Amino acid sequence: MDYNTDLDKRTLVDIMTEVYDDINNDELWDAYISISDAVRHGSPREVETFAEMTTMDMDEQLRWRQIMAERGIELTPRQVEHYISLVELILGI
């Protein structure tokens, strides 16, 4: 399967700012690189897990945020939206 893992930063920012007006370009780029690497080098199950994230309802997103916070990664609800949008973009969902 082909994934969108080879975008340049300017193209990524252009795409995401069509939807969001509160994007931090550097955070966005760092997340894109991280997700892209995980998709390119991950197992099919890992890619499937990313795909499952795109169907999380609000309660599931909150639980995921709590898990991430327990691991020392604090995310706002808006950052979770951005992250899920990146996953959708990369996987072509």
Protein backbone atom coordinates (compact mmCIF):
# COMPACT_ATOMS: atom_id res chain seq x y z
CA MET A 1 0.00 0.00 0.00
CA ASP A 2 1.19 3.53 -0.74
CA TYR A 3 1.29 5.99 2.10
CA ASN A 4 1.84 9.75 2.14
CA THR A 5 5.18 9.55 3.94
CA ASP A 6 7.24 11.68 1.57
CA LEU A 7 5.67 15.14 1.83
CA ASP A 8 7.94 18.13 2.31
CA LYS A 9 7.29 20.46 5.23
CA ARG A 10 5.79 23.30 3.17
CA THR A 11 3.30 20.96 1.44
CA LEU A 12 2.31 19.41 4.76
CA VAL A 13 1.76 22.80 6.38
CA ASP A 14 -0.25 23.98 3.36
CA ILE A 15 -2.51 20.91 3.56
CA MET A 16 -3.05 21.12 7.30
CA THR A 17 -3.68 24.89 7.38
CA GLU A 18 -6.57 24.35 4.98
CA VAL A 19 -8.32 22.63 7.89
CA TYR A 20 -6.73 24.14 11.02
CA ASP A 21 -5.73 27.72 11.76
CA ASP A 22 -3.86 26.90 14.97
CA ILE A 23 -1.04 24.71 13.67
CA ASN A 24 2.45 24.86 15.17
CA ASN A 25 4.53 24.12 12.08
CA ASP A 26 7.48 22.59 13.94
CA GLU A 27 5.32 20.36 16.16
CA LEU A 28 3.32 19.32 13.11
CA TRP A 29 6.47 18.44 11.17
CA ASP A 30 7.95 16.49 14.09
CA ALA A 31 4.74 14.48 14.50
CA TYR A 32 4.58 13.85 10.74
CA ILE A 33 8.15 12.52 10.68
CA SER A 34 7.49 10.31 13.71
CA ILE A 35 4.25 8.84 12.35
CA SER A 36 5.72 8.43 8.85
CA ASP A 37 8.72 6.52 10.22
CA ALA A 38 6.45 4.29 12.30
CA VAL A 39 4.26 3.55 9.28
CA ARG A 40 7.19 2.91 6.94
CA HIS A 41 9.06 0.66 9.35
CA GLY A 42 6.25 -0.73 11.48
CA SER A 43 4.54 -4.05 11.33
CA PRO A 44 1.14 -4.42 9.67
CA ARG A 45 -0.38 -4.54 13.18
CA GLU A 46 1.22 -1.19 14.07
CA VAL A 47 -0.18 0.38 10.91
CA GLU A 48 -3.57 -1.11 11.74
CA THR A 49 -3.37 0.46 15.20
CA PHE A 50 -2.79 3.87 13.60
CA ALA A 51 -5.80 3.29 11.35
CA GLU A 52 -7.94 2.37 14.36
CA MET A 53 -7.05 5.71 15.96
CA THR A 54 -8.97 7.49 13.22
CA THR A 55 -12.23 5.92 14.38
CA MET A 56 -11.90 6.79 18.08
CA ASP A 57 -14.86 8.59 19.60
CA MET A 58 -14.41 11.41 22.11
CA ASP A 59 -14.28 9.06 25.12
CA GLU A 60 -11.64 6.90 23.45
CA GLN A 61 -9.63 9.99 22.53
CA LEU A 62 -9.77 11.13 26.15
CA ARG A 63 -8.57 7.71 27.35
CA TRP A 64 -5.71 7.83 24.80
CA ARG A 65 -4.76 11.35 26.00
CA GLN A 66 -4.67 10.04 29.57
CA ILE A 67 -2.44 7.13 28.58
CA MET A 68 -0.10 9.50 26.76
CA ALA A 69 -0.05 11.84 29.77
CA GLU A 70 0.90 8.91 32.02
CA ARG A 71 3.86 8.39 29.68
CA GLY A 72 4.84 12.04 30.04
CA ILE A 73 3.33 13.29 26.76
CA GLU A 74 0.78 16.01 27.45
CA LEU A 75 -1.60 16.75 24.58
CA THR A 76 -4.50 19.16 24.30
CA PRO A 77 -7.72 17.93 22.70
CA ARG A 78 -6.83 20.06 19.66
CA GLN A 79 -3.39 18.41 19.40
CA VAL A 80 -5.12 15.03 19.42
CA GLU A 81 -7.26 16.23 16.50
CA HIS A 82 -4.13 17.34 14.64
CA TYR A 83 -2.43 14.00 15.33
CA ILE A 84 -5.40 11.99 14.09
CA SER A 85 -5.62 14.18 10.98
CA LEU A 86 -1.94 13.48 10.31
CA VAL A 87 -2.57 9.75 10.62
CA GLU A 88 -5.49 10.06 8.17
CA LEU A 89 -3.34 12.03 5.75
CA ILE A 90 -0.43 9.60 5.92
CA LEU A 91 -2.60 6.49 5.59
CA GLY A 92 -4.82 8.06 2.92
CA ILE A 93 -7.97 7.60 4.97
